[in-house]
Structures are given as structure tokens and as C-alpha cells.
């Protein structure tokens, strides 16, 4: 009986621990991610009180999710997330963009501090209920992927400050133009990116380009490793 009890306990521990170990290996399996860092995108800002400099922080934003919940800097704080723009009735690039972003969502679904934020450029049609239907029809992850709407002028201003395009264009199919690029935001609300082969900061990732999509996936791993390192260091202090 004692042997059976020990065996049962070992199996239980394996069931509880193995998924976490597999996830760590799955996410961090590529060599060197623990020792890489990503650059900060945007101009540094001078802190008047101390005369120090601070990295560019994304602008304040105030949207509403497809679940009717507020989406803001505060709600996304301490989260690594991918920001993109789209609209639910888009007849051309949006379905392909979200198909590729869905791959990213699935890749990191086991990491609780990672999310995707897709903001509509057509809030007049993309109400909260319309986005909820869009999300349900496409079977996108309710917890990991936030679809948001809000005031149109505010949306376009935020896009501009994120170095992405979003505006009305009656000559475009569907009546809107927006970037096919997405950006990475770290847990402190700063845009992060790798450098290209010439030492230039990339800034954003075209999710329709498989190479850039793979780069973004790798860079998310780097950010996760950075965040886990920071959390570990705080525990040691």
C-alpha cells in the first residue's frame, strides 16, 4: 500500500508540474532569449524634476472591450501585449491579419501576462455588441484577445502616437485604411522592438509578412524572459 501511495503521489506531482515545465521549455526553448533585450521605440523624454531621461511611454487611451469592459493604460498595466488596428467589416487585409495574430495568441495562451489588443478603426459600425459577435463567430480567445472600440477621433490620435496609421479613406475597400503592422508594448507601457541587420530599430512588425511575424514571436519570448527576470530580481531584493 505504501508503494502504491508513493506512486500515486509521484503521478500527481508530475501532472501538476509537467505542464508548467513544458510551457517554460516551449516558450523559452530558443537559445539565448534569456540574455537578449529589446530596444525602446520613440524619443526619450527629459524628467524636469530630476533632469534624468525616461523612455517614451504610449499615450493615455480609453476604450471599451467587446465584453463592455474598460480598456485603458491602467487595465493593461503589467501586461505584455500586441496592438493592432482593424475593422470587422474589412473585406481585404483584416481577415488575414487576424488569422496570423491568432497564431500568436495560441502560441502564448499559457502565459497569463500576455494579451492582444485589436482596436477598430470603424467604431460607428463596430459597437460593443458587433465586436462581441465578431469575436464569437471567429472563435477568438475571450481572455487573451481584446477587441476594443471607442471615440473615432481618439482612436486615430492614439494610432498616430503609436506610429501606426488609421483613418477614413472612401477610395479604399471598406472605406478605411490602417496599418498591417502591429507593435509590442511591455509591462511598463513602452513600445519595444528589435534592431534590423543594419542596426536600425524596426519599431513594428507587418503581420502579413511571415518573416516579420516570426520575428515578433521571437521578440515576445524576449520580453517574457525580461519580465520574468525582473520579477525574479524583485523577489531576491
Protein backbone atom coordinates (compact mmCIF):
# COMPACT_ATOMS: atom_id res chain seq x y z
CA UNK A 1 0.00 0.00 0.00
CA UNK A 2 2.86 2.36 0.85
CA UNK A 3 4.44 1.81 -2.59
CA UNK A 4 1.10 2.44 -4.26
CA UNK A 5 0.65 5.63 -2.23
CA UNK A 6 4.10 6.89 -3.19
CA UNK A 7 3.43 6.07 -6.83
CA UNK A 8 0.11 7.89 -6.70
CA UNK A 9 1.80 10.92 -5.15
CA UNK A 10 4.54 10.92 -7.82
CA UNK A 11 1.95 10.78 -10.60
CA UNK A 12 0.01 13.65 -9.02
CA UNK A 13 3.16 15.81 -8.77
CA UNK A 14 4.02 15.03 -12.39
CA UNK A 15 0.53 16.04 -13.53
CA UNK A 16 0.78 19.35 -11.66
CA UNK A 17 4.37 20.25 -12.51
CA UNK A 18 4.91 18.85 -16.01
CA UNK A 19 2.60 21.31 -17.86
CA UNK A 20 4.46 24.26 -16.35
CA UNK A 21 7.84 22.77 -17.25
CA UNK A 22 6.68 22.02 -20.77
CA UNK A 23 5.38 25.56 -21.18
CA UNK A 24 8.66 27.09 -20.00
CA UNK A 25 10.55 24.89 -22.43
CA UNK A 26 8.05 25.67 -25.20
CA UNK A 27 8.33 29.44 -24.77
CA UNK A 28 11.98 29.71 -23.88
CA UNK A 29 13.28 26.85 -25.97
CA UNK A 30 15.19 29.05 -28.40
CA UNK A 31 18.78 29.60 -27.42
CA UNK A 32 19.81 32.95 -25.98
CA UNK A 33 16.43 34.56 -25.27
CA UNK A 34 17.28 34.94 -21.57
CA UNK A 35 20.22 37.18 -22.43
CA UNK A 36 18.66 39.36 -25.09
CA UNK A 37 16.85 42.65 -24.63
CA UNK A 38 14.73 44.71 -26.99
CA UNK A 39 15.21 48.38 -27.77
CA UNK A 40 12.78 51.12 -26.80
CA UNK A 41 10.86 52.86 -29.57
CA UNK A 42 10.25 56.61 -29.56
CA UNK A 43 12.09 59.69 -28.28
CA UNK A 44 13.40 59.85 -24.75
CA UNK A 45 11.74 62.41 -22.51
CA UNK A 46 13.51 64.68 -20.01
CA UNK A 47 12.17 64.47 -16.45
CA UNK A 48 12.14 68.08 -15.29
CA UNK A 49 12.31 67.30 -11.58
CA UNK A 50 15.48 65.21 -11.78
CA UNK A 51 16.87 66.16 -15.21
CA UNK A 52 17.02 62.44 -16.00
CA UNK A 53 15.63 60.92 -19.17
CA UNK A 54 12.81 58.43 -19.50
CA UNK A 55 11.85 56.19 -22.40
CA UNK A 56 8.79 57.10 -24.45
CA UNK A 57 5.55 55.85 -22.93
CA UNK A 58 2.47 55.17 -25.01
CA UNK A 59 -0.32 57.80 -24.81
CA UNK A 60 -3.27 57.52 -22.48
CA UNK A 61 -6.14 55.63 -24.05
CA UNK A 62 -9.70 54.90 -23.00
CA UNK A 63 -11.64 52.28 -24.97
CA UNK A 64 -14.37 49.69 -24.36
CA UNK A 65 -13.92 45.99 -24.99
CA UNK A 66 -16.32 43.61 -26.73
CA UNK A 67 -17.28 42.47 -23.22
CA UNK A 68 -18.29 46.03 -22.31
CA UNK A 69 -15.30 46.45 -20.00
CA UNK A 70 -12.97 49.48 -19.88
CA UNK A 71 -9.67 49.14 -21.74
CA UNK A 72 -7.02 51.64 -20.69
CA UNK A 73 -3.39 52.02 -19.70
CA UNK A 74 -4.42 51.02 -16.19
CA UNK A 75 -6.21 47.82 -17.22
CA UNK A 76 -3.25 46.80 -19.42
CA UNK A 77 -0.64 47.65 -16.79
CA UNK A 78 1.88 44.87 -16.00
CA UNK A 79 0.90 43.15 -19.26
CA UNK A 80 2.90 42.43 -22.41
CA UNK A 81 0.60 42.98 -25.36
CA UNK A 82 0.41 43.30 -29.14
CA UNK A 83 -1.54 46.26 -30.51
CA UNK A 84 -3.09 46.26 -33.98
CA UNK A 85 -5.88 48.08 -35.83
CA UNK A 86 -8.66 46.51 -37.89
CA UNK A 87 -12.40 46.70 -38.58
CA UNK A 88 -14.92 43.88 -38.51
CA UNK A 89 -16.39 44.51 -41.97
CA UNK A 90 -12.99 44.79 -43.65
CA UNK A 91 -13.15 42.89 -46.97
CA UNK A 92 -9.42 42.63 -47.60
CA UNK A 93 -6.47 42.58 -45.20
CA UNK A 94 -8.10 42.27 -41.76
CA UNK A 95 -9.12 38.61 -42.03
CA UNK A 96 -5.55 37.70 -43.00
CA UNK A 97 -4.09 39.90 -40.24
CA UNK A 98 -6.24 38.33 -37.56
CA UNK A 99 -5.60 34.85 -38.90
CA UNK A 100 -1.88 35.43 -38.33
CA UNK A 101 -2.40 37.16 -34.98
CA UNK A 102 -4.50 34.19 -33.89
CA UNK A 103 -1.36 32.09 -34.30
CA UNK A 104 0.43 34.44 -31.90
CA UNK A 105 -2.43 34.19 -29.42
CA UNK A 106 -2.33 30.39 -29.48
CA UNK A 107 1.45 30.37 -29.17
CA UNK A 108 1.38 32.28 -25.87
CA UNK A 109 -2.01 31.27 -24.49
CA UNK A 110 -0.35 29.68 -21.46
CA UNK A 111 1.35 32.89 -20.33
CA UNK A 112 -1.07 34.92 -18.17
CA UNK A 113 0.63 38.30 -18.62
CA UNK A 114 0.41 38.31 -22.41
CA UNK A 115 -2.57 39.64 -24.40
CA UNK A 116 -3.53 41.02 -27.80
CA UNK A 117 -5.39 44.32 -28.25
CA UNK A 118 -7.09 44.93 -31.60
CA UNK A 119 -8.74 48.35 -31.95
CA UNK A 120 -11.39 49.06 -34.57
CA UNK A 121 -10.96 51.99 -36.96
CA UNK A 122 -14.72 51.96 -37.65
CA UNK A 123 -16.35 52.46 -34.25
CA UNK A 124 -19.63 53.61 -35.81
CA UNK A 125 -20.29 50.07 -37.10
CA UNK A 126 -18.10 48.20 -34.62
CA UNK A 127 -20.12 48.70 -31.46
CA UNK A 128 -19.52 46.61 -28.36
CA UNK A 129 -22.18 44.11 -29.44
CA UNK A 130 -20.85 43.99 -33.02
CA UNK A 131 -17.34 43.22 -31.78
CA UNK A 132 -18.69 40.58 -29.39
CA UNK A 133 -20.42 38.88 -32.33
CA UNK A 134 -17.28 39.16 -34.47
CA UNK A 135 -15.19 37.60 -31.73
CA UNK A 136 -17.68 34.80 -31.13
CA UNK A 137 -18.09 33.96 -34.83
CA UNK A 138 -14.33 33.72 -35.25
CA UNK A 139 -13.88 31.81 -32.01
CA UNK A 140 -11.14 34.10 -30.72
CA UNK A 141 -9.91 33.57 -27.16
CA UNK A 142 -12.13 35.53 -24.79
CA UNK A 143 -9.44 36.01 -22.16
CA UNK A 144 -6.32 36.65 -24.24
CA UNK A 145 -7.61 38.75 -27.14
CA UNK A 146 -9.28 42.10 -26.50
CA UNK A 147 -11.25 43.74 -29.30
CA UNK A 148 -11.94 47.38 -28.49
CA UNK A 149 -13.97 50.33 -29.72
CA UNK A 150 -14.30 53.96 -28.70
CA UNK A 151 -14.41 57.52 -29.95
CA UNK A 152 -13.16 57.68 -33.54
CA UNK A 153 -11.02 60.80 -33.15
CA UNK A 154 -9.45 59.34 -30.02
CA UNK A 155 -8.71 56.06 -31.82
CA UNK A 156 -6.99 57.84 -34.71
CA UNK A 157 -4.97 60.05 -32.37
CA UNK A 158 -3.78 57.04 -30.36
CA UNK A 159 -2.82 55.23 -33.58
CA UNK A 160 -0.73 58.22 -34.64
CA UNK A 161 1.10 58.30 -31.31
CA UNK A 162 1.77 54.57 -31.63
CA UNK A 163 3.38 55.25 -35.02
CA UNK A 164 0.64 53.36 -36.86
CA UNK A 165 -1.88 54.54 -39.47
CA UNK A 166 -5.65 54.61 -39.05
CA UNK A 167 -8.03 56.87 -40.94
CA UNK A 168 -11.07 57.02 -43.19
CA UNK A 169 -10.49 56.75 -46.93
CA UNK A 170 -13.52 56.46 -49.17
CA UNK A 171 -11.34 55.27 -52.04
CA UNK A 172 -10.20 52.22 -50.04
CA UNK A 173 -12.17 48.99 -49.96
CA UNK A 174 -14.40 49.16 -46.90
CA UNK A 175 -13.82 52.91 -46.54
CA UNK A 176 -10.84 52.78 -44.15
CA UNK A 177 -7.08 52.47 -44.27
CA UNK A 178 -4.93 51.19 -41.44
CA UNK A 179 -1.52 49.65 -40.87
CA UNK A 180 -0.98 45.95 -41.34
CA UNK A 181 1.73 46.38 -38.71
CA UNK A 182 1.44 45.59 -35.02
CA UNK A 183 3.55 46.83 -32.12
CA UNK A 184 4.79 45.28 -28.90
CA UNK A 185 4.07 47.03 -25.61
CA UNK A 186 5.93 45.98 -22.49
CA UNK A 187 4.60 45.76 -18.92
CA UNK A 188 5.61 49.38 -18.29
CA UNK A 189 3.65 50.79 -21.23
CA UNK A 190 6.64 51.24 -23.56
CA UNK A 191 6.97 50.22 -27.19
CA UNK A 192 9.71 47.65 -27.69
CA UNK A 193 11.39 46.31 -30.81
CA UNK A 194 14.45 44.57 -32.20
CA UNK A 195 17.04 46.14 -34.49
CA UNK A 196 17.45 45.12 -38.12
CA UNK A 197 20.67 43.86 -39.69
CA UNK A 198 21.84 47.46 -40.15
CA UNK A 199 21.35 48.45 -36.51
CA UNK A 200 18.10 50.35 -37.08
CA UNK A 201 15.19 49.90 -34.68
CA UNK A 202 12.41 48.07 -36.53
CA UNK A 203 9.61 49.66 -34.50
CA UNK A 204 6.73 47.49 -35.67
CA UNK A 205 6.00 44.17 -37.36
CA UNK A 206 3.99 43.55 -40.53
CA UNK A 207 1.81 40.62 -39.51
CA UNK A 208 1.15 39.74 -43.14
CA UNK A 209 4.86 39.07 -43.61
CA UNK A 210 5.73 35.59 -42.31
CA UNK A 211 9.34 36.58 -41.54
CA UNK A 212 8.25 39.60 -39.51
CA UNK A 213 5.57 37.53 -37.79
CA UNK A 214 8.25 35.05 -36.74
CA UNK A 215 10.41 37.95 -35.55
CA UNK A 216 7.55 39.25 -33.44
CA UNK A 217 7.01 35.81 -31.93
CA UNK A 218 10.70 35.60 -31.02
CA UNK A 219 10.65 39.11 -29.56
CA UNK A 220 7.62 38.32 -27.40
CA UNK A 221 9.70 35.50 -25.93
CA UNK A 222 12.45 38.00 -25.19
CA UNK A 223 10.01 40.34 -23.42
CA UNK A 224 8.58 37.47 -21.39
CA UNK A 225 12.10 36.46 -20.38
CA UNK A 226 12.86 40.10 -19.41
CA UNK A 227 9.71 40.33 -17.32
CA UNK A 228 10.35 37.01 -15.57
CA UNK A 229 13.91 38.11 -14.85
CA UNK A 230 12.64 41.38 -13.38
CA UNK A 231 10.10 39.57 -11.21
CA UNK A 232 12.80 37.18 -10.02
CA UNK A 233 15.14 40.06 -9.16
CA UNK A 234 12.41 41.79 -7.16
CA UNK A 235 11.89 38.63 -5.13
CA UNK A 236 15.60 38.50 -4.38
CA UNK A 237 15.73 42.06 -3.06
